[in-house]
C-alpha atoms as a PDB file:
ATOM      1  CA  MET A   1      -6.955 -26.471  -0.698  1.00  0.00           C
ATOM      2  CA  LEU A   2      -6.894 -22.740   0.116  1.00  0.00           C
ATOM      3  CA  ARG A   3      -3.117 -22.683  -0.299  1.00  0.00           C
ATOM      4  CA  SER A   4      -3.402 -24.242  -3.750  1.00  0.00           C
ATOM      5  CA  VAL A   5      -6.034 -21.738  -4.823  1.00  0.00           C
ATOM      6  CA  LEU A   6      -3.977 -18.754  -3.668  1.00  0.00           C
ATOM      7  CA  LEU A   7      -0.830 -20.068  -5.338  1.00  0.00           C
ATOM      8  CA  TYR A   8      -2.793 -20.523  -8.563  1.00  0.00           C
ATOM      9  CA  LEU A   9      -4.117 -16.964  -8.323  1.00  0.00           C
ATOM     10  CA  SER A  10      -0.583 -15.665  -7.737  1.00  0.00           C
ATOM     11  CA  GLU A  11       0.272 -16.754 -11.297  1.00  0.00           C
ATOM     12  CA  GLN A  12      -2.736 -15.178 -13.038  1.00  0.00           C
ATOM     13  CA  LYS A  13      -1.510 -12.177 -15.047  1.00  0.00           C
ATOM     14  CA  ARG A  14      -4.958 -10.693 -15.782  1.00  0.00           C
ATOM     15  CA  LEU A  15      -5.913 -10.770 -12.126  1.00  0.00           C
ATOM     16  CA  GLN A  16      -2.531  -9.247 -11.276  1.00  0.00           C
ATOM     17  CA  ASP A  17      -3.132  -6.333 -13.638  1.00  0.00           C
ATOM     18  CA  PHE A  18      -6.526  -5.695 -12.028  1.00  0.00           C
ATOM     19  CA  VAL A  19      -5.282  -5.910  -8.441  1.00  0.00           C
ATOM     20  CA  LEU A  20      -2.248  -3.687  -9.071  1.00  0.00           C
ATOM     21  CA  GLY A  21      -4.626  -0.911 -10.096  1.00  0.00           C
ATOM     22  CA  TRP A  22      -6.912  -1.367  -7.089  1.00  0.00           C
ATOM     23  CA  GLY A  23      -6.122   1.241  -4.464  1.00  0.00           C
ATOM     24  CA  PHE A  24      -7.479  -0.786  -1.553  1.00  0.00           C
ATOM     25  CA  ALA A  25      -5.288  -3.790  -2.407  1.00  0.00           C
ATOM     26  CA  ARG A  26      -2.241  -1.552  -2.709  1.00  0.00           C
ATOM     27  CA  ARG A  27      -2.906  -0.117   0.754  1.00  0.00           C
ATOM     28  CA  ARG A  28      -3.368  -3.596   2.267  1.00  0.00           C
ATOM     29  CA  SER A  29      -0.141  -4.795   0.659  1.00  0.00           C
ATOM     30  CA  ARG A  30       1.769  -2.262   2.761  1.00  0.00           C
ATOM     31  CA  ARG A  31       1.417  -4.686   5.661  1.00  0.00           C
ATOM     32  CA  PHE A  32       3.983  -6.866   3.879  1.00  0.00           C
ATOM     33  CA  VAL A  33       5.622  -4.532   1.331  1.00  0.00           C
ATOM     34  CA  ALA A  34       7.687  -1.469   2.327  1.00  0.00           C
ATOM     35  CA  GLY A  35       6.301   0.810  -0.368  1.00  0.00           C
ATOM     36  CA  GLU A  36       7.020   1.035  -4.071  1.00  0.00           C
ATOM     37  CA  THR A  37      10.186   3.186  -4.026  1.00  0.00           C
ATOM     38  CA  LEU A  38      13.698   2.774  -2.656  1.00  0.00           C
ATOM     39  CA  ASP A  39      13.268   5.915  -0.553  1.00  0.00           C
ATOM     40  CA  GLU A  40      10.294   4.309   1.217  1.00  0.00           C
ATOM     41  CA  ALA A  41      12.222   1.086   1.737  1.00  0.00           C
ATOM     42  CA  ILE A  42      15.259   2.915   3.163  1.00  0.00           C
ATOM     43  CA  GLY A  43      12.992   4.531   5.759  1.00  0.00           C
ATOM     44  CA  VAL A  44      11.754   1.106   6.845  1.00  0.00           C
ATOM     45  CA  VAL A  45      15.308  -0.259   6.992  1.00  0.00           C
ATOM     46  CA  ARG A  46      16.425   2.618   9.186  1.00  0.00           C
ATOM     47  CA  ASP A  47      13.550   2.021  11.621  1.00  0.00           C
ATOM     48  CA  LEU A  48      14.237  -1.724  11.862  1.00  0.00           C
ATOM     49  CA  ASN A  49      17.964  -1.127  12.386  1.00  0.00           C
ATOM     50  CA  VAL A  50      17.193   1.204  15.292  1.00  0.00           C
ATOM     51  CA  ARG A  51      15.166  -1.615  16.843  1.00  0.00           C
ATOM     52  CA  GLY A  52      18.118  -3.994  16.702  1.00  0.00           C
ATOM     53  CA  MET A  53      17.224  -5.903  13.543  1.00  0.00           C
ATOM     54  CA  ASP A  54      19.297  -6.596  10.464  1.00  0.00           C
ATOM     55  CA  VAL A  55      17.606  -6.272   7.077  1.00  0.00           C
ATOM     56  CA  THR A  56      17.727  -7.820   3.629  1.00  0.00           C
ATOM     57  CA  LEU A  57      16.156  -5.757   0.850  1.00  0.00           C
ATOM     58  CA  ASP A  58      14.243  -7.473  -1.935  1.00  0.00           C
ATOM     59  CA  HIS A  59      13.367  -5.405  -5.016  1.00  0.00           C
ATOM     60  CA  LEU A  60      10.243  -7.249  -6.097  1.00  0.00           C
ATOM     61  CA  GLY A  61      10.079  -8.759  -9.544  1.00  0.00           C
ATOM     62  CA  GLU A  62       9.519 -12.046 -11.296  1.00  0.00           C
ATOM     63  CA  SER A  63      10.991 -13.702 -14.373  1.00  0.00           C
ATOM     64  CA  VAL A  64      12.074 -11.277 -17.105  1.00  0.00           C
ATOM     65  CA  GLU A  65      11.621 -11.916 -20.826  1.00  0.00           C
ATOM     66  CA  SER A  66      14.662 -10.253 -22.424  1.00  0.00           C
ATOM     67  CA  GLU A  67      18.348  -9.660 -21.874  1.00  0.00           C
ATOM     68  CA  ASP A  68      17.706  -5.917 -21.631  1.00  0.00           C
ATOM     69  CA  GLN A  69      15.210  -6.464 -18.816  1.00  0.00           C
ATOM     70  CA  ALA A  70      17.657  -8.733 -16.977  1.00  0.00           C
ATOM     71  CA  ASP A  71      20.446  -6.175 -17.315  1.00  0.00           C
ATOM     72  CA  LYS A  72      18.144  -3.396 -16.090  1.00  0.00           C
ATOM     73  CA  ALA A  73      17.132  -5.402 -13.040  1.00  0.00           C
ATOM     74  CA  THR A  74      20.813  -5.959 -12.289  1.00  0.00           C
ATOM     75  CA  ASP A  75      21.529  -2.238 -12.696  1.00  0.00           C
ATOM     76  CA  ASP A  76      18.675  -1.485 -10.276  1.00  0.00           C
ATOM     77  CA  TYR A  77      20.203  -3.761  -7.646  1.00  0.00           C
ATOM     78  CA  ILE A  78      23.624  -2.170  -8.104  1.00  0.00           C
ATOM     79  CA  LYS A  79      21.979   1.199  -7.465  1.00  0.00           C
ATOM     80  CA  ILE A  80      20.548  -0.234  -4.242  1.00  0.00           C
ATOM     81  CA  LEU A  81      24.039  -1.315  -3.155  1.00  0.00           C
ATOM     82  CA  GLU A  82      25.393   2.139  -4.009  1.00  0.00           C
ATOM     83  CA  ARG A  83      22.603   3.826  -2.044  1.00  0.00           C
ATOM     84  CA  LEU A  84      23.144   1.590   0.995  1.00  0.00           C
ATOM     85  CA  ALA A  85      26.849   2.468   0.962  1.00  0.00           C
ATOM     86  CA  GLU A  86      25.981   6.178   0.946  1.00  0.00           C
ATOM     87  CA  GLU A  87      23.371   6.143   3.720  1.00  0.00           C
ATOM     88  CA  THR A  88      24.354   6.792   7.327  1.00  0.00           C
ATOM     89  CA  GLY A  89      22.658   4.668   9.962  1.00  0.00           C
ATOM     90  CA  VAL A  90      21.310   2.165   7.443  1.00  0.00           C
ATOM     91  CA  LYS A  91      22.496  -1.444   7.303  1.00  0.00           C
ATOM     92  CA  ALA A  92      21.056  -3.930   4.805  1.00  0.00           C
ATOM     93  CA  THR A  93      22.043  -6.654   2.372  1.00  0.00           C
ATOM     94  CA  ILE A  94      20.164  -7.599  -0.808  1.00  0.00           C
ATOM     95  CA  SER A  95      18.293 -10.654  -2.053  1.00  0.00           C
ATOM     96  CA  ILE A  96      17.645 -11.404  -5.722  1.00  0.00           C
ATOM     97  CA  LYS A  97      15.525 -13.845  -7.683  1.00  0.00           C
ATOM     98  CA  PRO A  98      17.745 -15.465 -10.342  1.00  0.00           C
ATOM     99  CA  THR A  99      14.954 -15.246 -12.928  1.00  0.00           C
ATOM    100  CA  GLN A 100      14.959 -11.468 -12.377  1.00  0.00           C
ATOM    101  CA  ILE A 101      18.486 -11.317 -13.752  1.00  0.00           C
ATOM    102  CA  GLY A 102      18.023 -13.728 -16.641  1.00  0.00           C
ATOM    103  CA  LEU A 103      18.053 -17.333 -15.408  1.00  0.00           C
ATOM    104  CA  ALA A 104      14.898 -18.298 -17.337  1.00  0.00           C
ATOM    105  CA  ILE A 105      16.451 -16.919 -20.541  1.00  0.00           C
ATOM    106  CA  ASP A 106      20.024 -18.177 -20.385  1.00  0.00           C
ATOM    107  CA  ARG A 107      22.256 -19.516 -17.624  1.00  0.00           C
ATOM    108  CA  ASP A 108      25.275 -17.526 -18.795  1.00  0.00           C
ATOM    109  CA  LEU A 109      23.243 -14.311 -18.759  1.00  0.00           C
ATOM    110  CA  CYS A 110      22.313 -14.970 -15.147  1.00  0.00           C
ATOM    111  CA  LEU A 111      25.911 -15.862 -14.311  1.00  0.00           C
ATOM    112  CA  LYS A 112      27.171 -12.628 -15.871  1.00  0.00           C
ATOM    113  CA  ASN A 113      24.675 -10.498 -13.963  1.00  0.00           C
ATOM    114  CA  MET A 114      25.144 -12.347 -10.697  1.00  0.00           C
ATOM    115  CA  ARG A 115      28.901 -11.829 -10.994  1.00  0.00           C
ATOM    116  CA  ARG A 116      28.295  -8.089 -11.464  1.00  0.00           C
ATOM    117  CA  LEU A 117      26.216  -8.050  -8.279  1.00  0.00           C
ATOM    118  CA  ALA A 118      28.754 -10.059  -6.294  1.00  0.00           C
ATOM    119  CA  GLU A 119      31.566  -7.754  -7.411  1.00  0.00           C
ATOM    120  CA  SER A 120      29.577  -4.610  -6.610  1.00  0.00           C
ATOM    121  CA  ALA A 121      28.642  -5.948  -3.171  1.00  0.00           C
ATOM    122  CA  HIS A 122      32.231  -7.025  -2.480  1.00  0.00           C
ATOM    123  CA  GLU A 123      33.554  -3.552  -3.314  1.00  0.00           C
ATOM    124  CA  ARG A 124      31.138  -2.100  -0.741  1.00  0.00           C
ATOM    125  CA  GLY A 125      31.499  -4.759   1.949  1.00  0.00           C
ATOM    126  CA  ASN A 126      28.003  -6.057   1.332  1.00  0.00           C
ATOM    127  CA  PHE A 127      26.313  -9.407   0.676  1.00  0.00           C
ATOM    128  CA  VAL A 128      23.976 -10.894  -1.959  1.00  0.00           C
ATOM    129  CA  ARG A 129      21.532 -13.732  -1.339  1.00  0.00           C
ATOM    130  CA  MET A 130      20.441 -15.790  -4.344  1.00  0.00           C
ATOM    131  CA  ASP A 131      16.818 -16.684  -3.686  1.00  0.00           C
ATOM    132  CA  MET A 132      15.400 -20.077  -4.632  1.00  0.00           C
ATOM    133  CA  GLU A 133      12.374 -20.240  -6.909  1.00  0.00           C
ATOM    134  CA  ALA A 134      10.333 -23.105  -8.383  1.00  0.00           C
ATOM    135  CA  SER A 135      11.892 -26.574  -8.563  1.00  0.00           C
ATOM    136  CA  CYS A 136      12.610 -26.292 -12.305  1.00  0.00           C
ATOM    137  CA  TYR A 137      15.248 -23.644 -11.512  1.00  0.00           C
ATOM    138  CA  VAL A 138      17.023 -25.354  -8.594  1.00  0.00           C
ATOM    139  CA  ASP A 139      19.775 -27.136 -10.545  1.00  0.00           C
ATOM    140  CA  THR A 140      20.699 -24.079 -12.592  1.00  0.00           C
ATOM    141  CA  THR A 141      20.518 -21.730  -9.622  1.00  0.00           C
ATOM    142  CA  LEU A 142      22.877 -23.914  -7.609  1.00  0.00           C
ATOM    143  CA  SER A 143      25.260 -24.350 -10.550  1.00  0.00           C
ATOM    144  CA  VAL A 144      25.542 -20.557 -10.889  1.00  0.00           C
ATOM    145  CA  PHE A 145      25.971 -20.220  -7.145  1.00  0.00           C
ATOM    146  CA  TYR A 146      28.714 -22.855  -6.893  1.00  0.00           C
ATOM    147  CA  GLU A 147      30.657 -21.356  -9.784  1.00  0.00           C
ATOM    148  CA  LEU A 148      30.590 -17.898  -8.209  1.00  0.00           C
ATOM    149  CA  PHE A 149      31.169 -19.093  -4.640  1.00  0.00           C
ATOM    150  CA  ASP A 150      34.595 -20.268  -5.756  1.00  0.00           C
ATOM    151  CA  GLU A 151      35.341 -16.586  -6.529  1.00  0.00           C
ATOM    152  CA  PHE A 152      33.237 -14.719  -3.973  1.00  0.00           C
ATOM    153  CA  LYS A 153      32.365 -15.567  -0.379  1.00  0.00           C
ATOM    154  CA  ASN A 154      29.894 -12.690   0.008  1.00  0.00           C
ATOM    155  CA  ILE A 155      27.016 -14.604  -1.581  1.00  0.00           C
ATOM    156  CA  GLY A 156      24.506 -17.002  -0.070  1.00  0.00           C
ATOM    157  CA  ALA A 157      21.990 -19.629  -1.150  1.00  0.00           C
ATOM    158  CA  VAL A 158      18.479 -20.658  -0.129  1.00  0.00           C
ATOM    159  CA  ILE A 159      17.168 -24.166   0.552  1.00  0.00           C
ATOM    160  CA  GLN A 160      13.478 -25.099   0.684  1.00  0.00           C
ATOM    161  CA  SER A 161      12.621 -27.896   3.095  1.00  0.00           C
ATOM    162  CA  TYR A 162       9.564 -29.084   1.178  1.00  0.00           C
ATOM    163  CA  LEU A 163      11.689 -30.272  -1.761  1.00  0.00           C
ATOM    164  CA  LYS A 164      12.704 -33.925  -1.416  1.00  0.00           C
ATOM    165  CA  ARG A 165      16.112 -33.233  -2.966  1.00  0.00           C
ATOM    166  CA  SER A 166      17.044 -30.638  -0.348  1.00  0.00           C
ATOM    167  CA  GLU A 167      18.897 -32.953   2.034  1.00  0.00           C
ATOM    168  CA  GLU A 168      21.533 -33.715  -0.592  1.00  0.00           C
ATOM    169  CA  ASP A 169      21.765 -30.040  -1.589  1.00  0.00           C
ATOM    170  CA  THR A 170      22.084 -28.945   2.039  1.00  0.00           C
ATOM    171  CA  ARG A 171      24.894 -31.394   2.704  1.00  0.00           C
ATOM    172  CA  GLU A 172      26.847 -30.060  -0.276  1.00  0.00           C
ATOM    173  CA  LEU A 173      26.333 -26.421   0.703  1.00  0.00           C
ATOM    174  CA  ALA A 174      27.299 -27.200   4.299  1.00  0.00           C
ATOM    175  CA  ARG A 175      30.422 -29.047   3.116  1.00  0.00           C
ATOM    176  CA  ARG A 176      31.492 -25.916   1.224  1.00  0.00           C
ATOM    177  CA  GLY A 177      30.722 -23.636   4.191  1.00  0.00           C
ATOM    178  CA  ALA A 178      28.257 -21.628   2.094  1.00  0.00           C
ATOM    179  CA  PRO A 179      25.768 -19.300   3.834  1.00  0.00           C
ATOM    180  CA  VAL A 180      22.315 -20.921   3.720  1.00  0.00           C
ATOM    181  CA  ARG A 181      18.887 -19.466   4.320  1.00  0.00           C
ATOM    182  CA  LEU A 182      16.581 -22.365   5.230  1.00  0.00           C
ATOM    183  CA  CYS A 183      12.883 -21.865   4.514  1.00  0.00           C
ATOM    184  CA  LYS A 184       9.899 -24.149   3.916  1.00  0.00           C
ATOM    185  CA  GLY A 185       9.058 -23.128   0.342  1.00  0.00           C
ATOM    186  CA  ALA A 186       6.277 -21.101  -1.264  1.00  0.00           C
ATOM    187  CA  TYR A 187       5.643 -22.571  -4.717  1.00  0.00           C
ATOM    188  CA  LYS A 188       3.174 -25.219  -5.807  1.00  0.00           C
ATOM    189  CA  GLU A 189       5.136 -28.423  -6.466  1.00  0.00           C
ATOM    190  CA  PRO A 190       3.988 -31.963  -7.346  1.00  0.00           C
ATOM    191  CA  PRO A 191       4.140 -34.825  -4.790  1.00  0.00           C
ATOM    192  CA  ALA A 192       6.929 -36.491  -6.756  1.00  0.00           C
ATOM    193  CA  LEU A 193       9.211 -33.537  -5.999  1.00  0.00           C
ATOM    194  CA  ALA A 194       7.938 -32.053  -2.761  1.00  0.00           C
ATOM    195  CA  PHE A 195       6.490 -33.082   0.572  1.00  0.00           C
ATOM    196  CA  GLN A 196       2.825 -32.113   0.775  1.00  0.00           C
ATOM    197  CA  LYS A 197       1.985 -32.635   4.462  1.00  0.00           C
ATOM    198  CA  LYS A 198       2.940 -30.065   7.067  1.00  0.00           C
ATOM    199  CA  LYS A 199       4.535 -32.654   9.370  1.00  0.00           C
ATOM    200  CA  GLU A 200       6.716 -33.958   6.540  1.00  0.00           C
ATOM    201  CA  ILE A 201       7.838 -30.437   5.656  1.00  0.00           C
ATOM    202  CA  ASN A 202       8.543 -29.646   9.324  1.00  0.00           C
ATOM    203  CA  ASP A 203      10.468 -32.893   9.839  1.00  0.00           C
ATOM    204  CA  SER A 204      12.541 -32.099   6.763  1.00  0.00           C
ATOM    205  CA  TYR A 205      13.160 -28.561   8.031  1.00  0.00           C
ATOM    206  CA  VAL A 206      14.544 -29.786  11.350  1.00  0.00           C
ATOM    207  CA  ARG A 207      16.643 -32.464   9.626  1.00  0.00           C
ATOM    208  CA  LEU A 208      18.192 -29.880   7.281  1.00  0.00           C
ATOM    209  CA  LEU A 209      18.791 -27.452  10.141  1.00  0.00           C
ATOM    210  CA  GLU A 210      20.620 -30.194  12.047  1.00  0.00           C
ATOM    211  CA  ILE A 211      22.895 -30.696   9.026  1.00  0.00           C
ATOM    212  CA  LEU A 212      23.666 -26.975   8.898  1.00  0.00           C
ATOM    213  CA  MET A 213      24.276 -26.722  12.635  1.00  0.00           C
ATOM    214  CA  ASP A 214      26.712 -29.657  12.477  1.00  0.00           C
ATOM    215  CA  SER A 215      28.758 -27.640   9.954  1.00  0.00           C
ATOM    216  CA  GLU A 216      30.428 -24.240   9.925  1.00  0.00           C
ATOM    217  CA  ALA A 217      28.071 -22.836   7.294  1.00  0.00           C
ATOM    218  CA  PRO A 218      26.401 -19.553   8.322  1.00  0.00           C
ATOM    219  CA  ALA A 219      22.718 -20.362   8.839  1.00  0.00           C
ATOM    220  CA  GLY A 220      19.546 -18.313   8.495  1.00  0.00           C
ATOM    221  CA  ILE A 221      16.552 -19.930  10.200  1.00  0.00           C
ATOM    222  CA  ALA A 222      13.802 -18.475   8.037  1.00  0.00           C
ATOM    223  CA  THR A 223      10.497 -19.362   9.678  1.00  0.00           C
ATOM    224  CA  HIS A 224       7.442 -17.986  11.452  1.00  0.00           C
ATOM    225  CA  ASP A 225       6.525 -21.385  12.878  1.00  0.00           C
ATOM    226  CA  ASP A 226       6.800 -21.675  16.669  1.00  0.00           C
ATOM    227  CA  LEU A 227       7.893 -25.320  16.440  1.00  0.00           C
ATOM    228  CA  MET A 228      10.727 -24.464  14.046  1.00  0.00           C
ATOM    229  CA  ILE A 229      11.747 -21.472  16.158  1.00  0.00           C
ATOM    230  CA  GLU A 230      12.003 -23.716  19.220  1.00  0.00           C
ATOM    231  CA  ALA A 231      13.967 -26.288  17.204  1.00  0.00           C
ATOM    232  CA  GLY A 232      16.384 -23.544  16.189  1.00  0.00           C
ATOM    233  CA  LYS A 233      16.854 -22.411  19.777  1.00  0.00           C
ATOM    234  CA  ARG A 234      17.416 -26.003  20.904  1.00  0.00           C
ATOM    235  CA  LEU A 235      20.051 -26.655  18.246  1.00  0.00           C
ATOM    236  CA  MET A 236      21.865 -23.439  19.110  1.00  0.00           C
ATOM    237  CA  ARG A 237      22.022 -24.567  22.738  1.00  0.00           C
ATOM    238  CA  GLU A 238      23.317 -27.971  21.624  1.00  0.00           C
ATOM    239  CA  HIS A 239      26.109 -26.399  19.527  1.00  0.00           C
ATOM    240  CA  PRO A 240      27.726 -23.812  21.844  1.00  0.00           C
ATOM    241  CA  GLU A 241      31.113 -24.387  20.200  1.00  0.00           C
ATOM    242  CA  ARG A 242      29.867 -23.406  16.744  1.00  0.00           C
ATOM    243  CA  ASN A 243      31.703 -20.365  15.312  1.00  0.00           C
ATOM    244  CA  ALA A 244      29.632 -19.638  12.195  1.00  0.00           C
ATOM    245  CA  PRO A 245      26.814 -17.112  12.719  1.00  0.00           C
ATOM    246  CA  VAL A 246      23.190 -18.203  13.125  1.00  0.00           C
ATOM    247  CA  GLU A 247      20.205 -15.875  12.957  1.00  0.00           C
ATOM    248  CA  PHE A 248      16.443 -16.028  12.697  1.00  0.00           C
ATOM    249  CA  GLN A 249      14.952 -14.542   9.555  1.00  0.00           C
ATOM    250  CA  MET A 250      11.371 -13.393   9.108  1.00  0.00           C
ATOM    251  CA  LEU A 251       9.328 -11.483   6.578  1.00  0.00           C
ATOM    252  CA  TYR A 252       8.385  -7.856   6.980  1.00  0.00           C
ATOM    253  CA  GLY A 253       4.898  -7.540   8.446  1.00  0.00           C
ATOM    254  CA  VAL A 254       4.575 -11.174   9.544  1.00  0.00           C
ATOM    255  CA  ARG A 255       4.619 -11.914  13.298  1.00  0.00           C
ATOM    256  CA  ARG A 256       6.020  -8.536  14.252  1.00  0.00           C
ATOM    257  CA  ASP A 257       5.609  -9.392  17.941  1.00  0.00           C
ATOM    258  CA  MET A 258       7.973 -12.339  17.478  1.00  0.00           C
ATOM    259  CA  HIS A 259      10.543 -10.108  15.739  1.00  0.00           C
ATOM    260  CA  ALA A 260      10.840  -7.985  18.877  1.00  0.00           C
ATOM    261  CA  LYS A 261      10.699 -10.958  21.252  1.00  0.00           C
ATOM    262  CA  LEU A 262      13.626 -12.736  19.622  1.00  0.00           C
ATOM    263  CA  VAL A 263      15.720  -9.543  19.670  1.00  0.00           C
ATOM    264  CA  GLU A 264      14.916  -9.092  23.380  1.00  0.00           C
ATOM    265  CA  GLU A 265      16.032 -12.667  24.014  1.00  0.00           C
ATOM    266  CA  GLY A 266      19.395 -11.905  22.400  1.00  0.00           C
ATOM    267  CA  TYR A 267      19.016 -13.785  19.112  1.00  0.00           C
ATOM    268  CA  GLY A 268      20.122 -12.396  15.764  1.00  0.00           C
ATOM    269  CA  MET A 269      17.054 -11.243  13.840  1.00  0.00           C
ATOM    270  CA  ARG A 270      16.959 -10.401  10.131  1.00  0.00           C
ATOM    271  CA  ILE A 271      13.871  -8.993   8.424  1.00  0.00           C
ATOM    272  CA  TYR A 272      13.307  -9.541   4.698  1.00  0.00           C
ATOM    273  CA  VAL A 273      11.943  -6.231   3.423  1.00  0.00           C
ATOM    274  CA  PRO A 274      10.424  -6.291  -0.081  1.00  0.00           C
ATOM    275  CA  TYR A 275       9.543  -3.179  -2.023  1.00  0.00           C
ATOM    276  CA  GLY A 276       8.529  -2.231  -5.550  1.00  0.00           C
ATOM    277  CA  ASN A 277       5.450  -2.126  -7.734  1.00  0.00           C
ATOM    278  CA  GLU A 278       5.559  -5.833  -8.695  1.00  0.00           C
ATOM    279  CA  TRP A 279       4.124  -6.835  -5.333  1.00  0.00           C
ATOM    280  CA  TYR A 280       1.110  -8.942  -6.390  1.00  0.00           C
ATOM    281  CA  PRO A 281       2.733 -12.431  -6.728  1.00  0.00           C
ATOM    282  CA  TYR A 282       4.699 -11.899  -3.527  1.00  0.00           C
ATOM    283  CA  PHE A 283       1.582 -10.722  -1.662  1.00  0.00           C
ATOM    284  CA  MET A 284      -0.468 -13.720  -2.814  1.00  0.00           C
ATOM    285  CA  ARG A 285       2.236 -16.186  -1.776  1.00  0.00           C
ATOM    286  CA  ARG A 286       2.279 -14.641   1.689  1.00  0.00           C
ATOM    287  CA  MET A 287      -1.483 -15.227   1.874  1.00  0.00           C
ATOM    288  CA  ALA A 288      -0.969 -18.852   0.852  1.00  0.00           C
ATOM    289  CA  GLU A 289       1.789 -19.467   3.387  1.00  0.00           C
ATOM    290  CA  ARG A 290      -0.096 -18.384   6.483  1.00  0.00           C
ATOM    291  CA  PRO A 291      -3.908 -18.243   6.898  1.00  0.00           C
ATOM    292  CA  ALA A 292      -3.533 -15.560   9.576  1.00  0.00           C
ATOM    293  CA  ASN A 293      -2.274 -13.189   6.879  1.00  0.00           C
ATOM    294  CA  LEU A 294      -5.422 -13.709   4.820  1.00  0.00           C
ATOM    295  CA  LEU A 295      -7.573 -13.216   7.924  1.00  0.00           C
ATOM    296  CA  PHE A 296      -5.861  -9.884   8.534  1.00  0.00           C
ATOM    297  CA  VAL A 297      -6.719  -8.670   5.033  1.00  0.00           C
ATOM    298  CA  LEU A 298     -10.322  -9.887   5.226  1.00  0.00           C
ATOM    299  CA  ARG A 299     -10.811  -8.082   8.537  1.00  0.00           C
ATOM    300  CA  ALA A 300      -9.389  -4.912   6.999  1.00  0.00           C
ATOM    301  CA  MET A 301     -11.848  -5.219   4.117  1.00  0.00           C
ATOM    302  CA  GLY A 302     -14.643  -5.305   6.671  1.00  0.00           C
ATOM    303  CA  GLY A 303     -13.304  -2.220   8.371  1.00  0.00           C
ATOM    304  CA  LYS A 304     -12.166  -4.096  11.472  1.00  0.00           C
END
């Protein structure tokens, strides 16, 4: 129930406008968002790199409404790639939402902009992850990805275990050897399309991870769930001959103790670091995903 309420609130534009202007909320968001500027984000990346963690930068933003906005968002990401190439002691890839670069407007617009990003990243020896959004965008996102993956191998996809279609999608991505980030999913979806119970989502997650581990597709185990972390460790032990890289992936500010623990144990650890002034929808989805995050904010509001 609480998850549904928070996901609903994440989509309310008037509430977003109010919260974005509320200084307290902006300060609390820094738990999960690395500031509003690229300079602030670069500082966070540098610190995480020193502590043995890889990073993926996410310039926060949602669906754009015009071709000009999509092109600008793409230009902004190219500037991030240029900046990363210039910085010494900073190592990070980028992650983009397809609707940020035009998917909700026109598939070909998104394809054009995604190709620009893939080319820019390739020139600089970098990597671009295409994020996965609500279920209505899955088919088009994957069609863009498959078309570009035939040209570029420095791009990756995301699969959400709560979607019932994901087993078929995972098998196809694994067959192609495409890099996959496996997560549970953070959008409100109907029962016809998505598992609703935690056990069903977890069972799907492990099933999809087994498919990936049986392939040579690079795998990102994106979870904060102890059961899924242990499943990932078990499958790595069961596939010692596997050549493709496997790493754990977690969100900035969530379970920071586990970030360090996994690095100490010798596992690859990647932190997704979001930044930008469009942090409200992202922040609300993090509250919906994990009640402990909401508890943290409520305690802060009480001065504890």
